Amino acid sequence: MIEAIVVAAAQFIILHSVDGRAFYINPKHIVSTSQAKGKLVVDAVQCVVYTTDGRFITVAETCESLKMRIEHLK
């Protein structure tokens, strides 16, 4: 008997926290983004990413570069 494992293909993008740590996120979980205005805790925050679970993530990438990376996956 042959057993097969089916792996669902998910595409992730790499983002960076304001302290430089890399993390992966599925673009399908991104609801919207907002360019950081003013000072949000630290100057390194460029974009705020809102997710399907109601949370938000502050990232070092600009919203424009994030949008381009998501479009590139399509």
PDB file of N, CA and C in Angstrom:
ATOM      1  N   MET A   1       0.838  -1.176   0.000  1.00  0.00           N
ATOM      2  CA  MET A   1       0.000   0.000   0.000  1.00  0.00           C
ATOM      3  C   MET A   1       0.887   1.244   0.000  1.00  0.00           C
ATOM      4  N   ILE A   2       0.544   2.177  -0.855  1.00  0.00           N
ATOM      5  CA  ILE A   2       1.306   3.419  -0.961  1.00  0.00           C
ATOM      6  C   ILE A   2       0.527   4.523  -0.257  1.00  0.00           C
ATOM      7  N   GLU A   3       1.213   5.220   0.623  1.00  0.00           N
ATOM      8  CA  GLU A   3       0.594   6.349   1.312  1.00  0.00           C
ATOM      9  C   GLU A   3       1.112   7.640   0.705  1.00  0.00           C
ATOM     10  N   ALA A   4       0.226   8.560   0.511  1.00  0.00           N
ATOM     11  CA  ALA A   4       0.610   9.844  -0.064  1.00  0.00           C
ATOM     12  C   ALA A   4       0.216  10.953   0.891  1.00  0.00           C
ATOM     13  N   ILE A   5       1.062  11.930   0.964  1.00  0.00           N
ATOM     14  CA  ILE A   5       0.775  13.106   1.783  1.00  0.00           C
ATOM     15  C   ILE A   5       0.531  14.271   0.835  1.00  0.00           C
ATOM     16  N   VAL A   6      -0.590  14.890   0.985  1.00  0.00           N
ATOM     17  CA  VAL A   6      -0.926  16.042   0.164  1.00  0.00           C
ATOM     18  C   VAL A   6      -0.580  17.296   0.954  1.00  0.00           C
ATOM     19  N   VAL A   7       0.239  18.118   0.348  1.00  0.00           N
ATOM     20  CA  VAL A   7       0.638  19.369   0.988  1.00  0.00           C
ATOM     21  C   VAL A   7      -0.035  20.509   0.244  1.00  0.00           C
ATOM     22  N   ALA A   8      -0.802  21.281   0.968  1.00  0.00           N
ATOM     23  CA  ALA A   8      -1.454  22.438   0.358  1.00  0.00           C
ATOM     24  C   ALA A   8      -0.397  23.504   0.092  1.00  0.00           C
ATOM     25  N   ALA A   9      -0.390  23.981  -1.128  1.00  0.00           N
ATOM     26  CA  ALA A   9       0.586  25.005  -1.493  1.00  0.00           C
ATOM     27  C   ALA A   9       0.082  26.362  -1.019  1.00  0.00           C
ATOM     28  N   ALA A  10       0.823  26.965  -0.159  1.00  0.00           N
ATOM     29  CA  ALA A  10       0.489  28.305   0.330  1.00  0.00           C
ATOM     30  C   ALA A  10       1.669  29.217   0.032  1.00  0.00           C
ATOM     31  N   GLN A  11       1.369  30.388  -0.441  1.00  0.00           N
ATOM     32  CA  GLN A  11       2.425  31.338  -0.726  1.00  0.00           C
ATOM     33  C   GLN A  11       2.506  32.337   0.422  1.00  0.00           C
ATOM     34  N   PHE A  12       3.688  32.527   0.909  1.00  0.00           N
ATOM     35  CA  PHE A  12       3.929  33.455   2.004  1.00  0.00           C
ATOM     36  C   PHE A  12       4.876  34.544   1.540  1.00  0.00           C
ATOM     37  N   ILE A  13       4.785  35.679   2.179  1.00  0.00           N
ATOM     38  CA  ILE A  13       5.758  36.742   1.936  1.00  0.00           C
ATOM     39  C   ILE A  13       6.504  36.990   3.245  1.00  0.00           C
ATOM     40  N   ILE A  14       7.713  37.445   3.105  1.00  0.00           N
ATOM     41  CA  ILE A  14       8.535  37.749   4.277  1.00  0.00           C
ATOM     42  C   ILE A  14       8.420  39.237   4.574  1.00  0.00           C
ATOM     43  N   LEU A  15       8.100  39.541   5.820  1.00  0.00           N
ATOM     44  CA  LEU A  15       8.075  40.921   6.298  1.00  0.00           C
ATOM     45  C   LEU A  15       9.051  41.032   7.456  1.00  0.00           C
ATOM     46  N   HIS A  16       9.326  42.254   7.858  1.00  0.00           N
ATOM     47  CA  HIS A  16      10.276  42.480   8.944  1.00  0.00           C
ATOM     48  C   HIS A  16       9.662  43.356  10.018  1.00  0.00           C
ATOM     49  N   SER A  17       9.859  42.937  11.253  1.00  0.00           N
ATOM     50  CA  SER A  17       9.411  43.755  12.375  1.00  0.00           C
ATOM     51  C   SER A  17      10.349  44.952  12.491  1.00  0.00           C
ATOM     52  N   VAL A  18       9.980  45.894  13.309  1.00  0.00           N
ATOM     53  CA  VAL A  18      10.797  47.107  13.425  1.00  0.00           C
ATOM     54  C   VAL A  18      12.164  46.854  14.041  1.00  0.00           C
ATOM     55  N   ASP A  19      12.323  45.713  14.720  1.00  0.00           N
ATOM     56  CA  ASP A  19      13.645  45.379  15.260  1.00  0.00           C
ATOM     57  C   ASP A  19      14.445  44.475  14.324  1.00  0.00           C
ATOM     58  N   GLY A  20      13.946  44.295  13.089  1.00  0.00           N
ATOM     59  CA  GLY A  20      14.700  43.567  12.070  1.00  0.00           C
ATOM     60  C   GLY A  20      14.405  42.085  11.951  1.00  0.00           C
ATOM     61  N   ARG A  21      13.576  41.531  12.821  1.00  0.00           N
ATOM     62  CA  ARG A  21      13.265  40.104  12.738  1.00  0.00           C
ATOM     63  C   ARG A  21      12.335  39.827  11.560  1.00  0.00           C
ATOM     64  N   ALA A  22      12.659  38.774  10.818  1.00  0.00           N
ATOM     65  CA  ALA A  22      11.837  38.383   9.674  1.00  0.00           C
ATOM     66  C   ALA A  22      10.726  37.448  10.128  1.00  0.00           C
ATOM     67  N   PHE A  23       9.562  37.575   9.495  1.00  0.00           N
ATOM     68  CA  PHE A  23       8.466  36.636   9.737  1.00  0.00           C
ATOM     69  C   PHE A  23       7.685  36.461   8.437  1.00  0.00           C
ATOM     70  N   TYR A  24       6.957  35.373   8.359  1.00  0.00           N
ATOM     71  CA  TYR A  24       6.199  35.036   7.163  1.00  0.00           C
ATOM     72  C   TYR A  24       4.715  35.279   7.400  1.00  0.00           C
ATOM     73  N   ILE A  25       4.027  35.757   6.366  1.00  0.00           N
ATOM     74  CA  ILE A  25       2.585  35.958   6.456  1.00  0.00           C
ATOM     75  C   ILE A  25       1.953  35.540   5.129  1.00  0.00           C
ATOM     76  N   ASN A  26       0.797  34.923   5.230  1.00  0.00           N
ATOM     77  CA  ASN A  26       0.040  34.552   4.048  1.00  0.00           C
ATOM     78  C   ASN A  26      -0.705  35.798   3.573  1.00  0.00           C
ATOM     79  N   PRO A  27      -0.483  36.247   2.340  1.00  0.00           N
ATOM     80  CA  PRO A  27      -1.141  37.458   1.850  1.00  0.00           C
ATOM     81  C   PRO A  27      -2.668  37.373   1.878  1.00  0.00           C
ATOM     82  N   LYS A  28      -3.207  36.169   1.864  1.00  0.00           N
ATOM     83  CA  LYS A  28      -4.665  36.002   1.924  1.00  0.00           C
ATOM     84  C   LYS A  28      -5.219  36.439   3.276  1.00  0.00           C
ATOM     85  N   HIS A  29      -4.364  36.563   4.284  1.00  0.00           N
ATOM     86  CA  HIS A  29      -4.800  36.985   5.613  1.00  0.00           C
ATOM     87  C   HIS A  29      -4.685  38.487   5.818  1.00  0.00           C
ATOM     88  N   ILE A  30      -4.220  39.207   4.801  1.00  0.00           N
ATOM     89  CA  ILE A  30      -4.105  40.663   4.887  1.00  0.00           C
ATOM     90  C   ILE A  30      -5.401  41.291   4.392  1.00  0.00           C
ATOM     91  N   VAL A  31      -6.032  42.067   5.261  1.00  0.00           N
ATOM     92  CA  VAL A  31      -7.284  42.736   4.912  1.00  0.00           C
ATOM     93  C   VAL A  31      -7.003  44.093   4.284  1.00  0.00           C
ATOM     94  N   SER A  32      -6.109  44.858   4.919  1.00  0.00           N
ATOM     95  CA  SER A  32      -5.767  46.180   4.414  1.00  0.00           C
ATOM     96  C   SER A  32      -4.439  46.618   5.003  1.00  0.00           C
ATOM     97  N   THR A  33      -3.928  47.710   4.457  1.00  0.00           N
ATOM     98  CA  THR A  33      -2.695  48.299   4.972  1.00  0.00           C
ATOM     99  C   THR A  33      -2.899  49.802   5.105  1.00  0.00           C
ATOM    100  N   SER A  34      -2.076  50.399   5.932  1.00  0.00           N
ATOM    101  CA  SER A  34      -2.137  51.839   6.127  1.00  0.00           C
ATOM    102  C   SER A  34      -0.721  52.361   6.319  1.00  0.00           C
ATOM    103  N   GLN A  35      -0.366  53.350   5.518  1.00  0.00           N
ATOM    104  CA  GLN A  35       0.957  53.962   5.652  1.00  0.00           C
ATOM    105  C   GLN A  35       1.031  54.636   7.010  1.00  0.00           C
ATOM    106  N   ALA A  36       2.096  54.398   7.739  1.00  0.00           N
ATOM    107  CA  ALA A  36       2.268  54.981   9.070  1.00  0.00           C
ATOM    108  C   ALA A  36       2.367  56.496   8.953  1.00  0.00           C
ATOM    109  N   LYS A  37       1.596  57.180   9.748  1.00  0.00           N
ATOM    110  CA  LYS A  37       1.609  58.648   9.765  1.00  0.00           C
ATOM    111  C   LYS A  37       2.127  59.098  11.123  1.00  0.00           C
ATOM    112  N   GLY A  38       3.023  60.029  11.093  1.00  0.00           N
ATOM    113  CA  GLY A  38       3.582  60.510  12.353  1.00  0.00           C
ATOM    114  C   GLY A  38       4.478  59.456  12.982  1.00  0.00           C
ATOM    115  N   LYS A  39       4.601  59.494  14.267  1.00  0.00           N
ATOM    116  CA  LYS A  39       5.477  58.563  14.970  1.00  0.00           C
ATOM    117  C   LYS A  39       4.631  57.522  15.699  1.00  0.00           C
ATOM    118  N   LEU A  40       4.755  56.271  15.282  1.00  0.00           N
ATOM    119  CA  LEU A  40       4.067  55.155  15.936  1.00  0.00           C
ATOM    120  C   LEU A  40       5.083  54.378  16.755  1.00  0.00           C
ATOM    121  N   VAL A  41       5.243  54.717  17.987  1.00  0.00           N
ATOM    122  CA  VAL A  41       6.157  54.072  18.929  1.00  0.00           C
ATOM    123  C   VAL A  41       7.612  54.237  18.509  1.00  0.00           C
ATOM    124  N   VAL A  42       7.961  53.790  17.317  1.00  0.00           N
ATOM    125  CA  VAL A  42       9.331  53.937  16.824  1.00  0.00           C
ATOM    126  C   VAL A  42       9.306  54.448  15.394  1.00  0.00           C
ATOM    127  N   ASP A  43      10.373  55.083  14.986  1.00  0.00           N
ATOM    128  CA  ASP A  43      10.450  55.646  13.634  1.00  0.00           C
ATOM    129  C   ASP A  43      10.516  54.588  12.546  1.00  0.00           C
ATOM    130  N   ALA A  44      10.913  53.366  12.882  1.00  0.00           N
ATOM    131  CA  ALA A  44      11.097  52.321  11.874  1.00  0.00           C
ATOM    132  C   ALA A  44       9.783  51.802  11.296  1.00  0.00           C
ATOM    133  N   VAL A  45       8.650  52.096  11.935  1.00  0.00           N
ATOM    134  CA  VAL A  45       7.359  51.620  11.421  1.00  0.00           C
ATOM    135  C   VAL A  45       7.033  52.378  10.141  1.00  0.00           C
ATOM    136  N   GLN A  46       6.898  51.639   9.048  1.00  0.00           N
ATOM    137  CA  GLN A  46       6.564  52.238   7.761  1.00  0.00           C
ATOM    138  C   GLN A  46       5.116  51.966   7.362  1.00  0.00           C
ATOM    139  N   CYS A  47       4.603  50.797   7.787  1.00  0.00           N
ATOM    140  CA  CYS A  47       3.281  50.371   7.351  1.00  0.00           C
ATOM    141  C   CYS A  47       2.594  49.582   8.469  1.00  0.00           C
ATOM    142  N   VAL A  48       1.283  49.729   8.545  1.00  0.00           N
ATOM    143  CA  VAL A  48       0.485  48.946   9.480  1.00  0.00           C
ATOM    144  C   VAL A  48      -0.344  47.978   8.648  1.00  0.00           C
ATOM    145  N   VAL A  49      -0.219  46.686   8.948  1.00  0.00           N
ATOM    146  CA  VAL A  49      -0.919  45.634   8.213  1.00  0.00           C
ATOM    147  C   VAL A  49      -2.051  45.115   9.084  1.00  0.00           C
ATOM    148  N   TYR A  50      -3.281  45.156   8.560  1.00  0.00           N
ATOM    149  CA  TYR A  50      -4.456  44.653   9.284  1.00  0.00           C
ATOM    150  C   TYR A  50      -4.790  43.263   8.750  1.00  0.00           C
ATOM    151  N   THR A  51      -5.043  42.318   9.659  1.00  0.00           N
ATOM    152  CA  THR A  51      -5.244  40.924   9.273  1.00  0.00           C
ATOM    153  C   THR A  51      -6.688  40.464   9.489  1.00  0.00           C
ATOM    154  N   THR A  52      -7.010  39.303   8.920  1.00  0.00           N
ATOM    155  CA  THR A  52      -8.369  38.771   8.973  1.00  0.00           C
ATOM    156  C   THR A  52      -8.837  38.460  10.385  1.00  0.00           C
ATOM    157  N   ASP A  53      -7.926  38.259  11.308  1.00  0.00           N
ATOM    158  CA  ASP A  53      -8.330  37.957  12.687  1.00  0.00           C
ATOM    159  C   ASP A  53      -8.506  39.221  13.536  1.00  0.00           C
ATOM    160  N   GLY A  54      -8.491  40.392  12.898  1.00  0.00           N
ATOM    161  CA  GLY A  54      -8.731  41.642  13.608  1.00  0.00           C
ATOM    162  C   GLY A  54      -7.511  42.273  14.239  1.00  0.00           C
ATOM    163  N   ARG A  55      -6.372  41.669  14.055  1.00  0.00           N
ATOM    164  CA  ARG A  55      -5.136  42.213  14.633  1.00  0.00           C
ATOM    165  C   ARG A  55      -4.439  43.123  13.630  1.00  0.00           C
ATOM    166  N   PHE A  56      -3.412  43.799  14.106  1.00  0.00           N
ATOM    167  CA  PHE A  56      -2.581  44.587  13.204  1.00  0.00           C
ATOM    168  C   PHE A  56      -1.118  44.324  13.512  1.00  0.00           C
ATOM    169  N   ILE A  57      -0.298  44.495  12.484  1.00  0.00           N
ATOM    170  CA  ILE A  57       1.139  44.254  12.591  1.00  0.00           C
ATOM    171  C   ILE A  57       1.851  45.490  12.053  1.00  0.00           C
ATOM    172  N   THR A  58       2.797  46.008  12.794  1.00  0.00           N
ATOM    173  CA  THR A  58       3.610  47.114  12.292  1.00  0.00           C
ATOM    174  C   THR A  58       4.867  46.533  11.652  1.00  0.00           C
ATOM    175  N   VAL A  59       5.182  47.011  10.463  1.00  0.00           N
ATOM    176  CA  VAL A  59       6.317  46.455   9.722  1.00  0.00           C
ATOM    177  C   VAL A  59       7.245  47.556   9.226  1.00  0.00           C
ATOM    178  N   ALA A  60       8.458  47.153   8.910  1.00  0.00           N
ATOM    179  CA  ALA A  60       9.479  48.084   8.439  1.00  0.00           C
ATOM    180  C   ALA A  60       9.357  48.378   6.946  1.00  0.00           C
ATOM    181  N   GLU A  61       8.656  47.520   6.200  1.00  0.00           N
ATOM    182  CA  GLU A  61       8.470  47.734   4.762  1.00  0.00           C
ATOM    183  C   GLU A  61       7.428  48.826   4.524  1.00  0.00           C
ATOM    184  N   THR A  62       7.527  49.501   3.401  1.00  0.00           N
ATOM    185  CA  THR A  62       6.502  50.475   3.040  1.00  0.00           C
ATOM    186  C   THR A  62       5.276  49.732   2.520  1.00  0.00           C
ATOM    187  N   CYS A  63       4.131  50.362   2.610  1.00  0.00           N
ATOM    188  CA  CYS A  63       2.900  49.751   2.099  1.00  0.00           C
ATOM    189  C   CYS A  63       2.994  49.535   0.595  1.00  0.00           C
ATOM    190  N   GLU A  64       3.635  50.447  -0.099  1.00  0.00           N
ATOM    191  CA  GLU A  64       3.782  50.313  -1.553  1.00  0.00           C
ATOM    192  C   GLU A  64       4.617  49.083  -1.915  1.00  0.00           C
ATOM    193  N   SER A  65       5.722  48.854  -1.210  1.00  0.00           N
ATOM    194  CA  SER A  65       6.543  47.676  -1.515  1.00  0.00           C
ATOM    195  C   SER A  65       5.800  46.392  -1.146  1.00  0.00           C
ATOM    196  N   LEU A  66       5.011  46.439  -0.089  1.00  0.00           N
ATOM    197  CA  LEU A  66       4.207  45.281   0.301  1.00  0.00           C
ATOM    198  C   LEU A  66       3.169  44.978  -0.776  1.00  0.00           C
ATOM    199  N   LYS A  67       2.501  46.007  -1.277  1.00  0.00           N
ATOM    200  CA  LYS A  67       1.505  45.834  -2.334  1.00  0.00           C
ATOM    201  C   LYS A  67       2.139  45.223  -3.582  1.00  0.00           C
ATOM    202  N   MET A  68       3.319  45.694  -3.959  1.00  0.00           N
ATOM    203  CA  MET A  68       4.011  45.162  -5.137  1.00  0.00           C
ATOM    204  C   MET A  68       4.353  43.693  -4.947  1.00  0.00           C
ATOM    205  N   ARG A  69       4.779  43.305  -3.761  1.00  0.00           N
ATOM    206  CA  ARG A  69       5.132  41.906  -3.492  1.00  0.00           C
ATOM    207  C   ARG A  69       3.903  41.014  -3.563  1.00  0.00           C
ATOM    208  N   ILE A  70       2.775  41.491  -3.061  1.00  0.00           N
ATOM    209  CA  ILE A  70       1.539  40.710  -3.124  1.00  0.00           C
ATOM    210  C   ILE A  70       1.092  40.557  -4.564  1.00  0.00           C
ATOM    211  N   GLU A  71       1.140  41.637  -5.343  1.00  0.00           N
ATOM    212  CA  GLU A  71       0.758  41.575  -6.751  1.00  0.00           C
ATOM    213  C   GLU A  71       1.651  40.625  -7.547  1.00  0.00           C
ATOM    214  N   HIS A  72       2.906  40.566  -7.164  1.00  0.00           N
ATOM    215  CA  HIS A  72       3.867  39.695  -7.854  1.00  0.00           C
ATOM    216  C   HIS A  72       3.501  38.214  -7.673  1.00  0.00           C
ATOM    217  N   LEU A  73       2.851  37.878  -6.568  1.00  0.00           N
ATOM    218  CA  LEU A  73       2.459  36.496  -6.305  1.00  0.00           C
ATOM    219  C   LEU A  73       1.259  36.042  -7.126  1.00  0.00           C
ATOM    220  N   LYS A  74       0.486  36.990  -7.616  1.00  0.00           N
ATOM    221  CA  LYS A  74      -0.739  36.629  -8.351  1.00  0.00           C
ATOM    222  C   LYS A  74      -0.444  36.144  -9.739  1.00  0.00           C
TER     223      LYS A  74
END
